C-alpha atoms as a PDB file:
ATOM      1  CA  MET A   1       8.216  76.050  41.183  1.00  0.00           C
ATOM      2  CA  THR A   2       7.512  77.786  37.918  1.00  0.00           C
ATOM      3  CA  GLN A   3       9.234  75.670  35.318  1.00  0.00           C
ATOM      4  CA  PRO A   4       8.443  71.952  35.008  1.00  0.00           C
ATOM      5  CA  VAL A   5      11.521  69.725  35.171  1.00  0.00           C
ATOM      6  CA  GLN A   6      12.378  66.085  34.546  1.00  0.00           C
ATOM      7  CA  LEU A   7      15.747  65.212  36.135  1.00  0.00           C
ATOM      8  CA  LYS A   8      17.581  61.947  36.526  1.00  0.00           C
ATOM      9  CA  LEU A   9      18.782  60.852  39.981  1.00  0.00           C
ATOM     10  CA  LYS A  10      22.269  62.365  39.710  1.00  0.00           C
ATOM     11  CA  GLN A  11      20.934  65.714  38.513  1.00  0.00           C
ATOM     12  CA  ALA A  12      18.232  65.696  41.179  1.00  0.00           C
ATOM     13  CA  SER A  13      20.827  65.000  43.864  1.00  0.00           C
ATOM     14  CA  ALA A  14      22.863  67.995  42.631  1.00  0.00           C
ATOM     15  CA  VAL A  15      19.822  70.239  42.792  1.00  0.00           C
ATOM     16  CA  LEU A  16      19.004  68.963  46.305  1.00  0.00           C
ATOM     17  CA  GLY A  17      22.644  69.344  47.375  1.00  0.00           C
ATOM     18  CA  VAL A  18      22.905  65.757  48.595  1.00  0.00           C
ATOM     19  CA  ASP A  19      25.005  62.740  47.687  1.00  0.00           C
ATOM     20  CA  PRO A  20      23.413  60.646  44.923  1.00  0.00           C
ATOM     21  CA  LYS A  21      23.660  57.567  47.151  1.00  0.00           C
ATOM     22  CA  ASP A  22      21.574  59.272  49.832  1.00  0.00           C
ATOM     23  CA  LEU A  23      18.854  60.065  47.330  1.00  0.00           C
ATOM     24  CA  GLN A  24      19.054  56.516  45.959  1.00  0.00           C
ATOM     25  CA  ASN A  25      18.634  55.165  49.488  1.00  0.00           C
ATOM     26  CA  LEU A  26      15.413  57.131  49.898  1.00  0.00           C
ATOM     27  CA  VAL A  27      14.135  55.571  46.695  1.00  0.00           C
ATOM     28  CA  GLN A  28      15.233  52.054  47.663  1.00  0.00           C
ATOM     29  CA  PHE A  29      13.624  52.347  51.111  1.00  0.00           C
ATOM     30  CA  LYS A  30      10.411  53.490  49.420  1.00  0.00           C
ATOM     31  CA  VAL A  31      10.460  56.946  51.006  1.00  0.00           C
ATOM     32  CA  LEU A  32      10.237  58.444  47.478  1.00  0.00           C
ATOM     33  CA  HIS A  33       8.485  56.957  44.471  1.00  0.00           C
ATOM     34  CA  PRO A  34       9.964  58.415  41.274  1.00  0.00           C
ATOM     35  CA  VAL A  35       8.868  57.260  37.845  1.00  0.00           C
ATOM     36  CA  ARG A  36      11.229  54.711  36.295  1.00  0.00           C
ATOM     37  CA  ARG A  37      11.796  54.750  32.563  1.00  0.00           C
ATOM     38  CA  LYS A  38      14.534  52.858  30.728  1.00  0.00           C
ATOM     39  CA  SER A  39      16.243  51.901  34.008  1.00  0.00           C
ATOM     40  CA  PHE A  40      16.459  55.543  35.165  1.00  0.00           C
ATOM     41  CA  TYR A  41      14.582  57.259  37.952  1.00  0.00           C
ATOM     42  CA  TRP A  42      13.009  60.570  36.927  1.00  0.00           C
ATOM     43  CA  PHE A  43      12.207  63.373  39.368  1.00  0.00           C
ATOM     44  CA  ASP A  44       9.709  66.107  38.632  1.00  0.00           C
ATOM     45  CA  ASN A  45       9.016  69.329  40.614  1.00  0.00           C
ATOM     46  CA  ARG A  46       6.649  67.643  43.088  1.00  0.00           C
ATOM     47  CA  LEU A  47       9.039  64.754  43.767  1.00  0.00           C
ATOM     48  CA  LEU A  48      11.969  67.167  44.225  1.00  0.00           C
ATOM     49  CA  LEU A  49       9.935  69.020  46.820  1.00  0.00           C
ATOM     50  CA  GLU A  50       9.034  65.747  48.539  1.00  0.00           C
ATOM     51  CA  ALA A  51      12.719  64.798  48.603  1.00  0.00           C
ATOM     52  CA  LYS A  52      13.680  68.241  49.993  1.00  0.00           C
ATOM     53  CA  VAL A  53      11.133  67.801  52.795  1.00  0.00           C
ATOM     54  CA  ALA A  54      12.336  64.226  53.496  1.00  0.00           C
ATOM     55  CA  PHE A  55      15.951  65.396  53.818  1.00  0.00           C
ATOM     56  CA  TYR A  56      14.803  68.344  55.912  1.00  0.00           C
ATOM     57  CA  LEU A  57      13.027  66.025  58.317  1.00  0.00           C
ATOM     58  CA  LYS A  58      15.919  63.566  58.288  1.00  0.00           C
ATOM     59  CA  ASP A  59      18.475  66.273  59.110  1.00  0.00           C
ATOM     60  CA  LEU A  60      16.415  67.928  61.802  1.00  0.00           C
ATOM     61  CA  LEU A  61      14.773  64.928  63.467  1.00  0.00           C
ATOM     62  CA  GLY A  62      17.018  62.065  62.510  1.00  0.00           C
ATOM     63  CA  THR A  63      13.915  60.063  61.752  1.00  0.00           C
ATOM     64  CA  SER A  64      13.977  56.499  60.498  1.00  0.00           C
ATOM     65  CA  THR A  65      13.190  55.647  56.880  1.00  0.00           C
ATOM     66  CA  GLU A  66       9.895  54.054  57.960  1.00  0.00           C
ATOM     67  CA  VAL A  67       8.726  57.299  59.561  1.00  0.00           C
ATOM     68  CA  LEU A  68      10.072  59.335  56.630  1.00  0.00           C
ATOM     69  CA  ALA A  69       8.186  57.082  54.196  1.00  0.00           C
ATOM     70  CA  ARG A  70       4.962  57.645  56.108  1.00  0.00           C
ATOM     71  CA  PHE A  71       5.445  61.429  56.268  1.00  0.00           C
ATOM     72  CA  THR A  72       6.298  61.710  52.554  1.00  0.00           C
ATOM     73  CA  GLN A  73       3.390  59.489  51.610  1.00  0.00           C
ATOM     74  CA  VAL A  74       0.967  61.822  53.351  1.00  0.00           C
ATOM     75  CA  LEU A  75       2.780  64.848  51.918  1.00  0.00           C
ATOM     76  CA  SER A  76       2.690  63.331  48.404  1.00  0.00           C
ATOM     77  CA  LYS A  77      -1.098  62.994  48.594  1.00  0.00           C
ATOM     78  CA  SER A  78      -1.329  66.597  49.696  1.00  0.00           C
ATOM     79  CA  LEU A  79       1.032  67.889  46.956  1.00  0.00           C
ATOM     80  CA  LYS A  80      -0.944  66.082  44.246  1.00  0.00           C
ATOM     81  CA  GLU A  81      -3.834  68.366  45.001  1.00  0.00           C
ATOM     82  CA  ASP A  82      -1.432  71.210  44.011  1.00  0.00           C
ATOM     83  CA  LYS A  83      -2.994  73.715  46.402  1.00  0.00           C
ATOM     84  CA  SER A  84      -0.739  72.790  49.325  1.00  0.00           C
ATOM     85  CA  SER A  85       2.429  73.856  47.481  1.00  0.00           C
ATOM     86  CA  LYS A  86       1.202  77.434  47.803  1.00  0.00           C
ATOM     87  CA  PHE A  87       1.157  77.172  51.627  1.00  0.00           C
ATOM     88  CA  ARG A  88       3.925  78.830  53.595  1.00  0.00           C
ATOM     89  CA  TYR A  89       4.015  76.035  56.191  1.00  0.00           C
ATOM     90  CA  VAL A  90       2.754  72.500  56.299  1.00  0.00           C
ATOM     91  CA  TRP A  91       2.063  70.734  59.560  1.00  0.00           C
ATOM     92  CA  ILE A  92       2.484  67.012  59.878  1.00  0.00           C
ATOM     93  CA  ARG A  93       0.757  65.413  62.821  1.00  0.00           C
ATOM     94  CA  SER A  94       1.622  61.937  64.015  1.00  0.00           C
ATOM     95  CA  ARG A  95      -0.628  60.328  66.561  1.00  0.00           C
ATOM     96  CA  PRO A  96       0.815  57.379  68.542  1.00  0.00           C
ATOM     97  CA  ALA A  97      -0.936  54.038  68.087  1.00  0.00           C
ATOM     98  CA  THR A  98      -1.900  54.072  71.756  1.00  0.00           C
ATOM     99  CA  GLY A  99      -4.119  57.098  71.174  1.00  0.00           C
ATOM    100  CA  GLY A 100      -2.001  59.612  73.080  1.00  0.00           C
ATOM    101  CA  GLU A 101      -1.341  63.241  72.259  1.00  0.00           C
ATOM    102  CA  PRO A 102      -0.137  63.788  68.675  1.00  0.00           C
ATOM    103  CA  ILE A 103       3.263  65.156  67.756  1.00  0.00           C
ATOM    104  CA  GLU A 104       3.257  68.026  65.252  1.00  0.00           C
ATOM    105  CA  VAL A 105       6.087  69.091  62.967  1.00  0.00           C
ATOM    106  CA  ARG A 106       5.898  72.373  61.074  1.00  0.00           C
ATOM    107  CA  ILE A 107       7.711  72.372  57.742  1.00  0.00           C
ATOM    108  CA  PRO A 108       8.525  75.646  55.913  1.00  0.00           C
ATOM    109  CA  LEU A 109       7.290  74.376  52.541  1.00  0.00           C
ATOM    110  CA  ARG A 110       7.479  77.693  50.684  1.00  0.00           C
ATOM    111  CA  ASN A 111      11.098  78.266  51.783  1.00  0.00           C
ATOM    112  CA  LEU A 112      12.124  74.763  50.752  1.00  0.00           C
ATOM    113  CA  ALA A 113      10.451  75.286  47.367  1.00  0.00           C
ATOM    114  CA  LYS A 114      12.352  78.584  46.891  1.00  0.00           C
ATOM    115  CA  GLU A 115      15.639  76.855  47.764  1.00  0.00           C
ATOM    116  CA  LEU A 116      14.891  74.241  45.075  1.00  0.00           C
ATOM    117  CA  GLU A 117      14.125  76.928  42.536  1.00  0.00           C
ATOM    118  CA  GLN A 118      17.461  78.625  43.249  1.00  0.00           C
ATOM    119  CA  GLN A 119      19.391  75.337  43.076  1.00  0.00           C
ATOM    120  CA  LEU A 120      17.772  74.124  39.849  1.00  0.00           C
ATOM    121  CA  PRO A 121      20.579  75.544  37.631  1.00  0.00           C
ATOM    122  CA  ARG A 122      22.954  73.023  39.291  1.00  0.00           C
ATOM    123  CA  ALA A 123      21.366  70.285  37.165  1.00  0.00           C
ATOM    124  CA  VAL A 124      23.088  71.739  34.068  1.00  0.00           C
ATOM    125  CA  ALA A 125      26.457  71.211  35.741  1.00  0.00           C
ATOM    126  CA  TYR A 126      25.773  67.461  35.971  1.00  0.00           C
ATOM    127  CA  PRO A 127      25.178  66.323  32.404  1.00  0.00           C
ATOM    128  CA  ASP A 128      24.037  62.800  31.869  1.00  0.00           C
ATOM    129  CA  LEU A 129      27.173  61.141  30.476  1.00  0.00           C
ATOM    130  CA  PRO A 130      27.422  57.466  29.691  1.00  0.00           C
ATOM    131  CA  ARG A 131      29.508  55.390  32.068  1.00  0.00           C
ATOM    132  CA  GLY A 132      32.909  54.179  31.022  1.00  0.00           C
ATOM    133  CA  ARG A 133      34.750  56.165  28.398  1.00  0.00           C
ATOM    134  CA  LYS A 134      35.720  59.756  29.082  1.00  0.00           C
ATOM    135  CA  ARG A 135      34.605  62.413  26.613  1.00  0.00           C
ATOM    136  CA  PRO A 136      37.225  63.859  24.247  1.00  0.00           C
ATOM    137  CA  GLY A 137      39.317  66.662  25.731  1.00  0.00           C
ATOM    138  CA  TRP A 138      38.539  65.876  29.356  1.00  0.00           C
ATOM    139  CA  LYS A 139      42.221  66.003  30.390  1.00  0.00           C
ATOM    140  CA  ARG A 140      42.711  69.512  28.980  1.00  0.00           C
ATOM    141  CA  GLU A 141      39.494  70.684  30.592  1.00  0.00           C
ATOM    142  CA  TYR A 142      40.543  69.198  33.905  1.00  0.00           C
ATOM    143  CA  ALA A 143      43.992  70.830  33.714  1.00  0.00           C
ATOM    144  CA  ARG A 144      42.430  74.184  32.889  1.00  0.00           C
ATOM    145  CA  SER A 145      40.091  74.008  35.833  1.00  0.00           C
ATOM    146  CA  LEU A 146      42.999  73.114  38.134  1.00  0.00           C
ATOM    147  CA  GLU A 147      44.980  76.102  36.805  1.00  0.00           C
ATOM    148  CA  ALA A 148      42.020  78.384  37.395  1.00  0.00           C
ATOM    149  CA  ALA A 149      41.601  77.062  40.938  1.00  0.00           C
ATOM    150  CA  SER A 150      45.322  77.582  41.656  1.00  0.00           C
ATOM    151  CA  VAL A 151      45.037  81.224  40.481  1.00  0.00           C
ATOM    152  CA  ASP A 152      41.953  81.730  42.633  1.00  0.00           C
ATOM    153  CA  LEU A 153      43.712  80.244  45.658  1.00  0.00           C
ATOM    154  CA  SER A 154      47.065  81.997  45.110  1.00  0.00           C
ATOM    155  CA  GLY A 155      46.744  84.284  48.185  1.00  0.00           C
ATOM    156  CA  VAL A 156      45.227  81.698  50.495  1.00  0.00           C
ATOM    157  CA  THR A 157      47.379  79.817  52.998  1.00  0.00           C
ATOM    158  CA  GLU A 158      46.967  76.151  53.856  1.00  0.00           C
ATOM    159  CA  SER A 159      45.934  77.022  57.414  1.00  0.00           C
ATOM    160  CA  GLN A 160      43.136  79.271  56.077  1.00  0.00           C
ATOM    161  CA  ILE A 161      41.871  76.435  53.883  1.00  0.00           C
ATOM    162  CA  LEU A 162      41.928  73.998  56.828  1.00  0.00           C
ATOM    163  CA  LYS A 163      40.181  76.527  59.052  1.00  0.00           C
ATOM    164  CA  THR A 164      37.424  77.016  56.487  1.00  0.00           C
ATOM    165  CA  ILE A 165      36.948  73.257  56.036  1.00  0.00           C
ATOM    166  CA  ARG A 166      36.805  72.660  59.804  1.00  0.00           C
ATOM    167  CA  GLY A 167      34.288  75.477  60.217  1.00  0.00           C
ATOM    168  CA  TYR A 168      32.113  74.056  57.443  1.00  0.00           C
ATOM    169  CA  ARG A 169      32.222  70.556  58.942  1.00  0.00           C
ATOM    170  CA  ALA A 170      31.471  71.881  62.439  1.00  0.00           C
ATOM    171  CA  GLU A 171      28.452  73.760  61.069  1.00  0.00           C
ATOM    172  CA  LYS A 172      27.191  70.568  59.357  1.00  0.00           C
ATOM    173  CA  LYS A 173      27.581  68.568  62.585  1.00  0.00           C
ATOM    174  CA  ARG A 174      25.891  71.139  64.743  1.00  0.00           C
ATOM    175  CA  PRO A 175      22.740  69.644  66.285  1.00  0.00           C
ATOM    176  CA  PRO A 176      19.424  71.272  65.391  1.00  0.00           C
ATOM    177  CA  GLU A 177      17.965  73.900  67.680  1.00  0.00           C
ATOM    178  CA  ILE A 178      15.047  72.498  69.612  1.00  0.00           C
ATOM    179  CA  THR A 179      12.686  74.826  71.382  1.00  0.00           C
ATOM    180  CA  ILE A 180       9.739  74.133  73.626  1.00  0.00           C
ATOM    181  CA  GLY A 181       6.614  76.237  73.608  1.00  0.00           C
ATOM    182  CA  GLY A 182       3.639  75.896  75.835  1.00  0.00           C
ATOM    183  CA  SER A 183      -0.003  76.553  75.432  1.00  0.00           C
ATOM    184  CA  LYS A 184      -2.855  76.304  77.878  1.00  0.00           C
ATOM    185  CA  ARG A 185      -5.950  74.567  76.762  1.00  0.00           C
ATOM    186  CA  PRO A 186      -9.233  76.023  77.897  1.00  0.00           C
ATOM    187  CA  ALA A 187     -10.853  73.905  80.549  1.00  0.00           C
END
């Protein structure tokens, strides 16, 4: 990432494209370790990339928070050196406690970093507003955005909307593609 950022949890979740509660869960289960100042968690570029990798692993592998915490801890040490963020891929190897063959996971680090860079403008759409009172003029703004949405959707039927929603949900539920490759070790 080129520009340094400091985002609060809600803004970081918008950039990552995840629910704020999911990001908060990763913090509470000690998968991520953001800096805490004045009762707010702050995410910088490195931590955003760690979170992106954690969600990537969670989505693809369905790993537990304990395994995610171990992976991100190792990744965090590597990212602090700052040279690993320039790598195209990062391999994480996990060796079972019994001493068996390790499991390797290849993570497209550069692609995840590019996705974060593209999604960074989303943080502006989530300003840090105090809880409780609504800001002045919020009803007019809300009504205007509803009017604009109705104009945009004027030619779309309800069945088209439902079809699009079902397609999106089906795509999100689709299991990851798992492939098996073999290699022969020299004797």
